[in-house]
Amino acid sequence: MNRVWLVTGASSGFGRAITEAAVAAGDVVVAAARRTAPLDDLVAAHPDQVETLALDVTAIGDVQAAVDGVAARHGRIDVLVNNAGRGMVGAVEEATDAELRDLMDLHFFGPAALTRAVLPHMRRRGSGTIVQLTSMGGRFAFAGVGAYCATKFALEGLSEALAAEVAPLGIRVLIVEPGAFRTGFAGSADLTPVSTLDAYQDTVGPVLSALPGGSGQEPGDPAKAASAILTAVDADEPPLRLPLGNDAVDAITAQLDGSRAELGAWEKLARSTDFDA
C-alpha cells in the first residue's frame, strides 16, 4: 500500500522537492503551504496523488482539524514532514522579543503542534514516521544566526526525546540537518534581516552581506536531498539525525571534534564538583 505524506512548506524548496520525490515513488502527498497556487502544476499532473492544503503552521488552532481532516480523507498519515520555515540573520542583541517569538512559533511550536496532532493516528496504526527538517544549525551556531539556530536546537531536543518515547510504539523520528542547498532560502523575501549595530560589523556583517549573494550558488541539490530523505525513511534502521551535504558533514564533524577537545581540556574541573566520597 502506498504511503500518505503530509508535508508542510510544500510550495517551494525542500518541501516541493520532497513532494515530487514521494509522488515519483507512487505515494500520495498532502502538500500544505500558506499559498498553494505554486503547487497547481503538481496537482494537475498528478490529480490522484497530490492534494493541496492551505495551512499556516503558526495558526495552532487550525492544526488539529487539518491533521484530522487528512486522516479522515486518506485513512491514515504515514509520514509527517515538518518543513515550513524561514531565516533570520542579525546579532542576538538586536533581535526583538516579537521576532524571536514569531520564529519560535514557526520552527518549534508549529511543528510541535503538528507532531502532537498526528501521533494519535500513528499510535492507533502502530506505525509512522515524523521527519523534522532542522539544519546543520540545529547542531551548532555561529555569529549572525543565533535566533535561527536557537529554534532549530529546540526542535532537535524535542525530537530526540520524542524518538525515545515513540520507538516502542512503532513510530520513528528522523531529524534532517541540511547544509546550504539551492532552495532559494538565502535570497528569499522570507529571510528576515536585522540591521547590525556597528559593534557587530566584523562578526555579523559578513553573514548579512554573504547570504543574498550566495543564493543560487549553494552546493546542495534539493532533488538529491529529497531522494536521501526517502532512502532514510525507507531504511530498516534509519538514523536519528541525517546531515545532508558535504558542508554539513564537515561542519558537524568539526563541531563534534571541538566539543570533545574542549571537554577533555576542562574535564578535571568539571569532575571536581561532586561531594567528596
C-alpha atoms as a PDB file:
ATOM      1  CA  MET A   1       0.000   0.000   0.000  1.00  0.00           C
ATOM      2  CA  ASN A   2       1.412   3.390  -0.989  1.00  0.00           C
ATOM      3  CA  ARG A   3       2.120   5.831   1.819  1.00  0.00           C
ATOM      4  CA  VAL A   4       0.293   9.039   2.674  1.00  0.00           C
ATOM      5  CA  TRP A   5       2.535  12.025   3.362  1.00  0.00           C
ATOM      6  CA  LEU A   6       1.695  15.343   4.983  1.00  0.00           C
ATOM      7  CA  VAL A   7       4.379  17.870   4.018  1.00  0.00           C
ATOM      8  CA  THR A   8       4.418  21.451   5.295  1.00  0.00           C
ATOM      9  CA  GLY A   9       6.094  24.287   3.441  1.00  0.00           C
ATOM     10  CA  ALA A  10       5.487  22.254   0.290  1.00  0.00           C
ATOM     11  CA  SER A  11       5.221  25.086  -2.212  1.00  0.00           C
ATOM     12  CA  SER A  12       8.984  25.543  -2.650  1.00  0.00           C
ATOM     13  CA  GLY A  13      12.445  24.398  -1.611  1.00  0.00           C
ATOM     14  CA  PHE A  14      12.807  21.145   0.267  1.00  0.00           C
ATOM     15  CA  GLY A  15       9.045  20.794   0.680  1.00  0.00           C
ATOM     16  CA  ARG A  16       8.470  20.878  -3.050  1.00  0.00           C
ATOM     17  CA  ALA A  17      11.387  18.505  -3.696  1.00  0.00           C
ATOM     18  CA  ILE A  18      10.162  16.010  -1.092  1.00  0.00           C
ATOM     19  CA  THR A  19       6.641  16.175  -2.524  1.00  0.00           C
ATOM     20  CA  GLU A  20       7.937  15.449  -6.020  1.00  0.00           C
ATOM     21  CA  ALA A  21      10.109  12.566  -4.797  1.00  0.00           C
ATOM     22  CA  ALA A  22       7.252  10.961  -2.864  1.00  0.00           C
ATOM     23  CA  VAL A  23       4.947  11.271  -5.866  1.00  0.00           C
ATOM     24  CA  ALA A  24       7.602   9.690  -8.088  1.00  0.00           C
ATOM     25  CA  ALA A  25       7.719   6.798  -5.606  1.00  0.00           C
ATOM     26  CA  GLY A  26       3.990   6.279  -6.128  1.00  0.00           C
ATOM     27  CA  ASP A  27       2.871   7.788  -2.827  1.00  0.00           C
ATOM     28  CA  VAL A  28       0.094  10.242  -2.028  1.00  0.00           C
ATOM     29  CA  VAL A  29       1.076  13.678  -0.716  1.00  0.00           C
ATOM     30  CA  VAL A  30      -0.999  16.265   1.058  1.00  0.00           C
ATOM     31  CA  ALA A  31       1.074  19.337   0.265  1.00  0.00           C
ATOM     32  CA  ALA A  32       0.482  22.036   2.863  1.00  0.00           C
ATOM     33  CA  ALA A  33       1.506  25.662   2.452  1.00  0.00           C
ATOM     34  CA  ARG A  34       0.315  29.155   3.239  1.00  0.00           C
ATOM     35  CA  ARG A  35      -0.007  29.749  -0.509  1.00  0.00           C
ATOM     36  CA  THR A  36      -0.948  26.682  -2.518  1.00  0.00           C
ATOM     37  CA  ALA A  37      -1.067  28.213  -6.022  1.00  0.00           C
ATOM     38  CA  PRO A  38       2.584  27.264  -6.766  1.00  0.00           C
ATOM     39  CA  LEU A  39       1.500  23.624  -6.383  1.00  0.00           C
ATOM     40  CA  ASP A  40      -1.242  23.783  -9.031  1.00  0.00           C
ATOM     41  CA  ASP A  41       1.022  22.239 -11.666  1.00  0.00           C
ATOM     42  CA  LEU A  42       1.720  19.202  -9.498  1.00  0.00           C
ATOM     43  CA  VAL A  43      -1.973  18.732  -8.789  1.00  0.00           C
ATOM     44  CA  ALA A  44      -2.772  18.971 -12.495  1.00  0.00           C
ATOM     45  CA  ALA A  45      -0.058  16.450 -13.391  1.00  0.00           C
ATOM     46  CA  HIS A  46      -0.886  14.024 -10.545  1.00  0.00           C
ATOM     47  CA  PRO A  47      -4.507  14.598  -9.530  1.00  0.00           C
ATOM     48  CA  ASP A  48      -4.740  11.220  -7.794  1.00  0.00           C
ATOM     49  CA  GLN A  49      -1.538  11.703  -5.813  1.00  0.00           C
ATOM     50  CA  VAL A  50      -1.313  15.362  -4.819  1.00  0.00           C
ATOM     51  CA  GLU A  51      -3.777  17.282  -2.690  1.00  0.00           C
ATOM     52  CA  THR A  52      -3.083  20.796  -1.502  1.00  0.00           C
ATOM     53  CA  LEU A  53      -3.911  22.122   1.945  1.00  0.00           C
ATOM     54  CA  ALA A  54      -3.837  25.797   2.868  1.00  0.00           C
ATOM     55  CA  LEU A  55      -2.196  25.840   6.281  1.00  0.00           C
ATOM     56  CA  ASP A  56      -0.190  28.325   8.297  1.00  0.00           C
ATOM     57  CA  VAL A  57       1.590  26.163  10.857  1.00  0.00           C
ATOM     58  CA  THR A  58       1.718  29.077  13.294  1.00  0.00           C
ATOM     59  CA  ALA A  59      -2.088  29.113  13.425  1.00  0.00           C
ATOM     60  CA  ILE A  60      -2.037  26.488  16.163  1.00  0.00           C
ATOM     61  CA  GLY A  61      -5.813  26.420  16.461  1.00  0.00           C
ATOM     62  CA  ASP A  62      -6.091  25.141  12.875  1.00  0.00           C
ATOM     63  CA  VAL A  63      -3.565  22.334  13.161  1.00  0.00           C
ATOM     64  CA  GLN A  64      -5.630  19.603  14.808  1.00  0.00           C
ATOM     65  CA  ALA A  65      -8.553  19.990  12.404  1.00  0.00           C
ATOM     66  CA  ALA A  66      -6.170  19.976   9.438  1.00  0.00           C
ATOM     67  CA  VAL A  67      -4.468  16.763  10.554  1.00  0.00           C
ATOM     68  CA  ASP A  68      -7.752  15.048  11.433  1.00  0.00           C
ATOM     69  CA  GLY A  69      -9.134  16.033   8.029  1.00  0.00           C
ATOM     70  CA  VAL A  70      -6.187  14.482   6.200  1.00  0.00           C
ATOM     71  CA  ALA A  71      -6.529  11.267   8.217  1.00  0.00           C
ATOM     72  CA  ALA A  72     -10.274  11.146   7.556  1.00  0.00           C
ATOM     73  CA  ARG A  73      -9.897  11.665   3.806  1.00  0.00           C
ATOM     74  CA  HIS A  74      -6.998   9.265   3.288  1.00  0.00           C
ATOM     75  CA  GLY A  75      -7.456   6.828   6.139  1.00  0.00           C
ATOM     76  CA  ARG A  76      -4.034   7.435   7.674  1.00  0.00           C
ATOM     77  CA  ILE A  77      -0.916   9.594   7.732  1.00  0.00           C
ATOM     78  CA  ASP A  78       2.227   7.546   7.248  1.00  0.00           C
ATOM     79  CA  VAL A  79       4.813  10.328   7.101  1.00  0.00           C
ATOM     80  CA  LEU A  80       4.670  13.834   8.554  1.00  0.00           C
ATOM     81  CA  VAL A  81       7.329  16.231   7.280  1.00  0.00           C
ATOM     82  CA  ASN A  82       7.706  19.408   9.319  1.00  0.00           C
ATOM     83  CA  ASN A  83       9.491  21.594   6.797  1.00  0.00           C
ATOM     84  CA  ALA A  84       7.911  25.066   6.837  1.00  0.00           C
ATOM     85  CA  GLY A  85      10.418  27.725   7.817  1.00  0.00           C
ATOM     86  CA  ARG A  86      12.335  30.879   7.061  1.00  0.00           C
ATOM     87  CA  GLY A  87      15.591  32.509   8.028  1.00  0.00           C
ATOM     88  CA  MET A  88      16.594  35.344  10.314  1.00  0.00           C
ATOM     89  CA  VAL A  89      20.024  36.930  10.435  1.00  0.00           C
ATOM     90  CA  GLY A  90      21.412  39.506  12.804  1.00  0.00           C
ATOM     91  CA  ALA A  91      23.074  39.936  16.167  1.00  0.00           C
ATOM     92  CA  VAL A  92      21.380  38.451  19.217  1.00  0.00           C
ATOM     93  CA  GLU A  93      21.350  41.857  20.900  1.00  0.00           C
ATOM     94  CA  GLU A  94      19.250  43.315  18.095  1.00  0.00           C
ATOM     95  CA  ALA A  95      16.574  40.621  17.936  1.00  0.00           C
ATOM     96  CA  THR A  96      13.286  41.777  19.423  1.00  0.00           C
ATOM     97  CA  ASP A  97      11.018  39.668  21.594  1.00  0.00           C
ATOM     98  CA  ALA A  98       8.420  39.688  18.820  1.00  0.00           C
ATOM     99  CA  GLU A  99      10.913  38.468  16.215  1.00  0.00           C
ATOM    100  CA  LEU A 100      12.164  35.692  18.480  1.00  0.00           C
ATOM    101  CA  ARG A 101       8.648  34.550  19.355  1.00  0.00           C
ATOM    102  CA  ASP A 102       7.481  34.631  15.735  1.00  0.00           C
ATOM    103  CA  LEU A 103      10.406  32.479  14.641  1.00  0.00           C
ATOM    104  CA  MET A 104       9.898  30.068  17.522  1.00  0.00           C
ATOM    105  CA  ASP A 105       6.213  29.778  16.580  1.00  0.00           C
ATOM    106  CA  LEU A 106       7.197  28.779  13.052  1.00  0.00           C
ATOM    107  CA  HIS A 107      10.111  26.458  13.792  1.00  0.00           C
ATOM    108  CA  PHE A 108       9.122  24.965  17.136  1.00  0.00           C
ATOM    109  CA  PHE A 109       5.550  25.448  18.337  1.00  0.00           C
ATOM    110  CA  GLY A 110       4.020  24.791  14.909  1.00  0.00           C
ATOM    111  CA  PRO A 111       5.943  21.540  14.321  1.00  0.00           C
ATOM    112  CA  ALA A 112       5.305  20.507  17.941  1.00  0.00           C
ATOM    113  CA  ALA A 113       1.565  21.001  17.437  1.00  0.00           C
ATOM    114  CA  LEU A 114       1.556  19.053  14.179  1.00  0.00           C
ATOM    115  CA  THR A 115       3.553  16.269  15.790  1.00  0.00           C
ATOM    116  CA  ARG A 116       1.168  16.013  18.731  1.00  0.00           C
ATOM    117  CA  ALA A 117      -1.823  16.075  16.384  1.00  0.00           C
ATOM    118  CA  VAL A 118      -0.533  13.254  14.179  1.00  0.00           C
ATOM    119  CA  LEU A 119       0.675  10.955  16.955  1.00  0.00           C
ATOM    120  CA  PRO A 120      -2.733   9.537  17.982  1.00  0.00           C
ATOM    121  CA  HIS A 121      -3.337   8.479  14.360  1.00  0.00           C
ATOM    122  CA  MET A 122       0.084   6.853  14.125  1.00  0.00           C
ATOM    123  CA  ARG A 123      -0.254   5.182  17.522  1.00  0.00           C
ATOM    124  CA  ARG A 124      -3.536   3.573  16.508  1.00  0.00           C
ATOM    125  CA  ARG A 125      -1.836   2.045  13.477  1.00  0.00           C
ATOM    126  CA  GLY A 126       1.380   1.221  15.309  1.00  0.00           C
ATOM    127  CA  SER A 127       3.464   2.813  12.559  1.00  0.00           C
ATOM    128  CA  GLY A 128       4.537   6.110  11.079  1.00  0.00           C
ATOM    129  CA  THR A 129       7.493   8.415  10.568  1.00  0.00           C
ATOM    130  CA  ILE A 130       7.945  12.019  11.670  1.00  0.00           C
ATOM    131  CA  VAL A 131      10.557  13.931   9.687  1.00  0.00           C
ATOM    132  CA  GLN A 132      11.832  17.155  11.241  1.00  0.00           C
ATOM    133  CA  LEU A 133      13.688  19.476   8.869  1.00  0.00           C
ATOM    134  CA  THR A 134      16.119  21.387  11.040  1.00  0.00           C
ATOM    135  CA  SER A 135      19.550  22.429   9.773  1.00  0.00           C
ATOM    136  CA  MET A 136      23.220  21.901  10.396  1.00  0.00           C
ATOM    137  CA  GLY A 137      22.441  24.944  12.530  1.00  0.00           C
ATOM    138  CA  GLY A 138      20.476  22.610  14.748  1.00  0.00           C
ATOM    139  CA  ARG A 139      23.812  21.182  15.925  1.00  0.00           C
ATOM    140  CA  PHE A 140      25.897  24.330  16.290  1.00  0.00           C
ATOM    141  CA  ALA A 141      25.535  28.087  15.960  1.00  0.00           C
ATOM    142  CA  PHE A 142      27.682  30.902  14.671  1.00  0.00           C
ATOM    143  CA  ALA A 143      27.582  34.689  14.663  1.00  0.00           C
ATOM    144  CA  GLY A 144      24.566  36.203  12.961  1.00  0.00           C
ATOM    145  CA  VAL A 145      22.173  33.265  13.157  1.00  0.00           C
ATOM    146  CA  GLY A 146      21.659  32.861  16.901  1.00  0.00           C
ATOM    147  CA  ALA A 147      17.880  33.239  16.755  1.00  0.00           C
ATOM    148  CA  TYR A 148      17.511  30.831  13.836  1.00  0.00           C
ATOM    149  CA  CYS A 149      19.756  28.213  15.410  1.00  0.00           C
ATOM    150  CA  ALA A 150      18.011  28.526  18.778  1.00  0.00           C
ATOM    151  CA  THR A 151      14.711  27.471  17.212  1.00  0.00           C
ATOM    152  CA  LYS A 152      16.355  24.527  15.481  1.00  0.00           C
ATOM    153  CA  PHE A 153      18.142  23.488  18.686  1.00  0.00           C
ATOM    154  CA  ALA A 154      14.749  23.465  20.411  1.00  0.00           C
ATOM    155  CA  LEU A 155      13.135  21.254  17.774  1.00  0.00           C
ATOM    156  CA  GLU A 156      16.080  18.841  17.845  1.00  0.00           C
ATOM    157  CA  GLY A 157      15.843  18.482  21.626  1.00  0.00           C
ATOM    158  CA  LEU A 158      12.119  17.802  21.484  1.00  0.00           C
ATOM    159  CA  SER A 159      12.591  15.329  18.647  1.00  0.00           C
ATOM    160  CA  GLU A 160      15.385  13.393  20.352  1.00  0.00           C
ATOM    161  CA  ALA A 161      13.189  12.818  23.397  1.00  0.00           C
ATOM    162  CA  LEU A 162      10.205  12.041  21.173  1.00  0.00           C
ATOM    163  CA  ALA A 163      12.180   9.382  19.303  1.00  0.00           C
ATOM    164  CA  ALA A 164      12.852   7.506  22.537  1.00  0.00           C
ATOM    165  CA  GLU A 165       9.200   7.789  23.604  1.00  0.00           C
ATOM    166  CA  VAL A 166       7.592   6.537  20.401  1.00  0.00           C
ATOM    167  CA  ALA A 167      10.095   3.888  19.261  1.00  0.00           C
ATOM    168  CA  PRO A 168       8.337   1.149  21.283  1.00  0.00           C
ATOM    169  CA  LEU A 169       5.069   2.180  19.599  1.00  0.00           C
ATOM    170  CA  GLY A 170       6.358   1.523  16.084  1.00  0.00           C
ATOM    171  CA  ILE A 171       6.829   5.218  15.255  1.00  0.00           C
ATOM    172  CA  ARG A 172      10.134   6.621  14.004  1.00  0.00           C
ATOM    173  CA  VAL A 173      11.640  10.102  14.110  1.00  0.00           C
ATOM    174  CA  LEU A 174      14.132  11.402  11.560  1.00  0.00           C
ATOM    175  CA  ILE A 175      15.909  14.735  12.117  1.00  0.00           C
ATOM    176  CA  VAL A 176      17.262  16.098   8.819  1.00  0.00           C
ATOM    177  CA  GLU A 177      20.124  18.617   9.037  1.00  0.00           C
ATOM    178  CA  PRO A 178      20.832  20.210   5.644  1.00  0.00           C
ATOM    179  CA  GLY A 179      23.719  22.466   4.836  1.00  0.00           C
ATOM    180  CA  ALA A 180      23.478  25.023   2.022  1.00  0.00           C
ATOM    181  CA  PHE A 181      21.124  23.932  -0.764  1.00  0.00           C
ATOM    182  CA  ARG A 182      19.713  25.717  -3.798  1.00  0.00           C
ATOM    183  CA  THR A 183      16.245  26.136  -2.344  1.00  0.00           C
ATOM    184  CA  GLY A 184      16.017  29.904  -2.715  1.00  0.00           C
ATOM    185  CA  PHE A 185      16.361  30.228   1.056  1.00  0.00           C
ATOM    186  CA  ALA A 186      19.244  32.725   1.016  1.00  0.00           C
ATOM    187  CA  GLY A 187      17.556  35.000  -1.493  1.00  0.00           C
ATOM    188  CA  SER A 188      14.021  34.651  -0.201  1.00  0.00           C
ATOM    189  CA  ALA A 189      11.890  37.582   0.879  1.00  0.00           C
ATOM    190  CA  ASP A 190      11.138  35.448   3.944  1.00  0.00           C
ATOM    191  CA  LEU A 191      14.772  35.692   5.043  1.00  0.00           C
ATOM    192  CA  THR A 192      14.374  38.339   7.712  1.00  0.00           C
ATOM    193  CA  PRO A 193      17.399  40.643   8.021  1.00  0.00           C
ATOM    194  CA  VAL A 194      18.156  42.511  11.232  1.00  0.00           C
ATOM    195  CA  SER A 195      20.176  45.716  10.866  1.00  0.00           C
ATOM    196  CA  THR A 196      23.545  45.342  12.525  1.00  0.00           C
ATOM    197  CA  LEU A 197      24.975  47.656  15.152  1.00  0.00           C
ATOM    198  CA  ASP A 198      28.445  48.964  14.371  1.00  0.00           C
ATOM    199  CA  ALA A 199      29.822  46.801  17.184  1.00  0.00           C
ATOM    200  CA  TYR A 200      28.935  43.651  15.224  1.00  0.00           C
ATOM    201  CA  GLN A 201      30.070  44.657  11.748  1.00  0.00           C
ATOM    202  CA  ASP A 202      33.104  42.360  11.918  1.00  0.00           C
ATOM    203  CA  THR A 203      31.187  39.299  13.145  1.00  0.00           C
ATOM    204  CA  VAL A 204      27.630  39.587  11.846  1.00  0.00           C
ATOM    205  CA  GLY A 205      28.206  41.942   8.919  1.00  0.00           C
ATOM    206  CA  PRO A 206      29.823  39.312   6.669  1.00  0.00           C
ATOM    207  CA  VAL A 207      26.885  36.952   7.230  1.00  0.00           C
ATOM    208  CA  LEU A 208      24.363  39.652   6.318  1.00  0.00           C
ATOM    209  CA  SER A 209      26.204  40.505   3.121  1.00  0.00           C
ATOM    210  CA  ALA A 210      27.041  36.943   2.045  1.00  0.00           C
ATOM    211  CA  LEU A 211      23.645  35.240   2.253  1.00  0.00           C
ATOM    212  CA  PRO A 212      21.737  37.031  -0.524  1.00  0.00           C
ATOM    213  CA  GLY A 213      24.762  36.987  -2.827  1.00  0.00           C
ATOM    214  CA  GLY A 214      25.163  33.246  -2.391  1.00  0.00           C
ATOM    215  CA  SER A 215      21.628  32.397  -3.466  1.00  0.00           C
ATOM    216  CA  GLY A 216      21.702  30.021  -6.410  1.00  0.00           C
ATOM    217  CA  GLN A 217      25.344  29.135  -5.834  1.00  0.00           C
ATOM    218  CA  GLU A 218      24.880  26.694  -2.952  1.00  0.00           C
ATOM    219  CA  PRO A 219      26.463  23.258  -3.431  1.00  0.00           C
ATOM    220  CA  GLY A 220      23.433  21.202  -2.385  1.00  0.00           C
ATOM    221  CA  ASP A 221      20.900  19.742  -4.849  1.00  0.00           C
ATOM    222  CA  PRO A 222      17.371  19.690  -3.317  1.00  0.00           C
ATOM    223  CA  ALA A 223      16.308  16.760  -5.521  1.00  0.00           C
ATOM    224  CA  LYS A 224      19.208  14.663  -4.224  1.00  0.00           C
ATOM    225  CA  ALA A 225      18.343  15.723  -0.672  1.00  0.00           C
ATOM    226  CA  ALA A 226      14.761  14.583  -1.150  1.00  0.00           C
ATOM    227  CA  SER A 227      15.964  11.239  -2.521  1.00  0.00           C
ATOM    228  CA  ALA A 228      18.246  10.812   0.501  1.00  0.00           C
ATOM    229  CA  ILE A 229      15.349  11.551   2.858  1.00  0.00           C
ATOM    230  CA  LEU A 230      13.190   8.919   1.162  1.00  0.00           C
ATOM    231  CA  THR A 231      16.051   6.430   1.429  1.00  0.00           C
ATOM    232  CA  ALA A 232      16.317   7.087   5.172  1.00  0.00           C
ATOM    233  CA  VAL A 233      12.542   6.869   5.650  1.00  0.00           C
ATOM    234  CA  ASP A 234      12.565   3.505   3.859  1.00  0.00           C
ATOM    235  CA  ALA A 235      15.527   2.124   5.822  1.00  0.00           C
ATOM    236  CA  ASP A 236      15.036  -0.758   8.230  1.00  0.00           C
ATOM    237  CA  GLU A 237      17.166   1.090  10.780  1.00  0.00           C
ATOM    238  CA  PRO A 238      17.130   4.810   9.938  1.00  0.00           C
ATOM    239  CA  PRO A 239      19.386   7.273  11.737  1.00  0.00           C
ATOM    240  CA  LEU A 240      18.021   9.689  14.299  1.00  0.00           C
ATOM    241  CA  ARG A 241      19.968  12.513  12.624  1.00  0.00           C
ATOM    242  CA  LEU A 242      20.768  12.779   8.926  1.00  0.00           C
ATOM    243  CA  PRO A 243      23.099  15.620   7.887  1.00  0.00           C
ATOM    244  CA  LEU A 244      22.858  16.479   4.198  1.00  0.00           C
ATOM    245  CA  GLY A 245      25.660  17.924   2.099  1.00  0.00           C
ATOM    246  CA  ASN A 246      29.431  17.899   2.342  1.00  0.00           C
ATOM    247  CA  ASP A 247      29.383  21.247   4.137  1.00  0.00           C
ATOM    248  CA  ALA A 248      27.010  19.920   6.807  1.00  0.00           C
ATOM    249  CA  VAL A 249      29.004  16.733   7.356  1.00  0.00           C
ATOM    250  CA  ASP A 250      32.306  18.624   7.555  1.00  0.00           C
ATOM    251  CA  ALA A 251      30.980  21.343   9.869  1.00  0.00           C
ATOM    252  CA  ILE A 252      29.231  18.901  12.213  1.00  0.00           C
ATOM    253  CA  THR A 253      32.334  16.706  12.343  1.00  0.00           C
ATOM    254  CA  ALA A 254      34.472  19.730  13.236  1.00  0.00           C
ATOM    255  CA  GLN A 255      31.964  20.805  15.900  1.00  0.00           C
ATOM    256  CA  LEU A 256      31.918  17.342  17.488  1.00  0.00           C
ATOM    257  CA  ASP A 257      35.727  17.165  17.460  1.00  0.00           C
ATOM    258  CA  GLY A 258      35.946  20.627  19.014  1.00  0.00           C
ATOM    259  CA  SER A 259      33.411  19.772  21.699  1.00  0.00           C
ATOM    260  CA  ARG A 260      35.301  16.609  22.619  1.00  0.00           C
ATOM    261  CA  ALA A 261      38.588  18.516  22.803  1.00  0.00           C
ATOM    262  CA  GLU A 262      37.063  21.225  24.987  1.00  0.00           C
ATOM    263  CA  LEU A 263      35.519  18.648  27.302  1.00  0.00           C
ATOM    264  CA  GLY A 264      38.864  16.919  27.629  1.00  0.00           C
ATOM    265  CA  ALA A 265      40.618  20.177  28.454  1.00  0.00           C
ATOM    266  CA  TRP A 266      38.146  21.008  31.230  1.00  0.00           C
ATOM    267  CA  GLU A 267      37.247  17.502  32.346  1.00  0.00           C
ATOM    268  CA  LYS A 268      39.231  17.636  35.589  1.00  0.00           C
ATOM    269  CA  LEU A 269      37.491  20.812  36.741  1.00  0.00           C
ATOM    270  CA  ALA A 270      34.103  19.528  35.585  1.00  0.00           C
ATOM    271  CA  ARG A 271      34.531  16.328  37.636  1.00  0.00           C
ATOM    272  CA  SER A 272      35.696  18.206  40.745  1.00  0.00           C
ATOM    273  CA  THR A 273      32.249  19.491  41.702  1.00  0.00           C
ATOM    274  CA  ASP A 274      30.709  16.362  43.307  1.00  0.00           C
ATOM    275  CA  PHE A 275      30.597  15.893  47.076  1.00  0.00           C
ATOM    276  CA  ASP A 276      33.695  14.153  48.420  1.00  0.00           C
ATOM    277  CA  ALA A 277      33.128  10.445  48.907  1.00  0.00           C
END
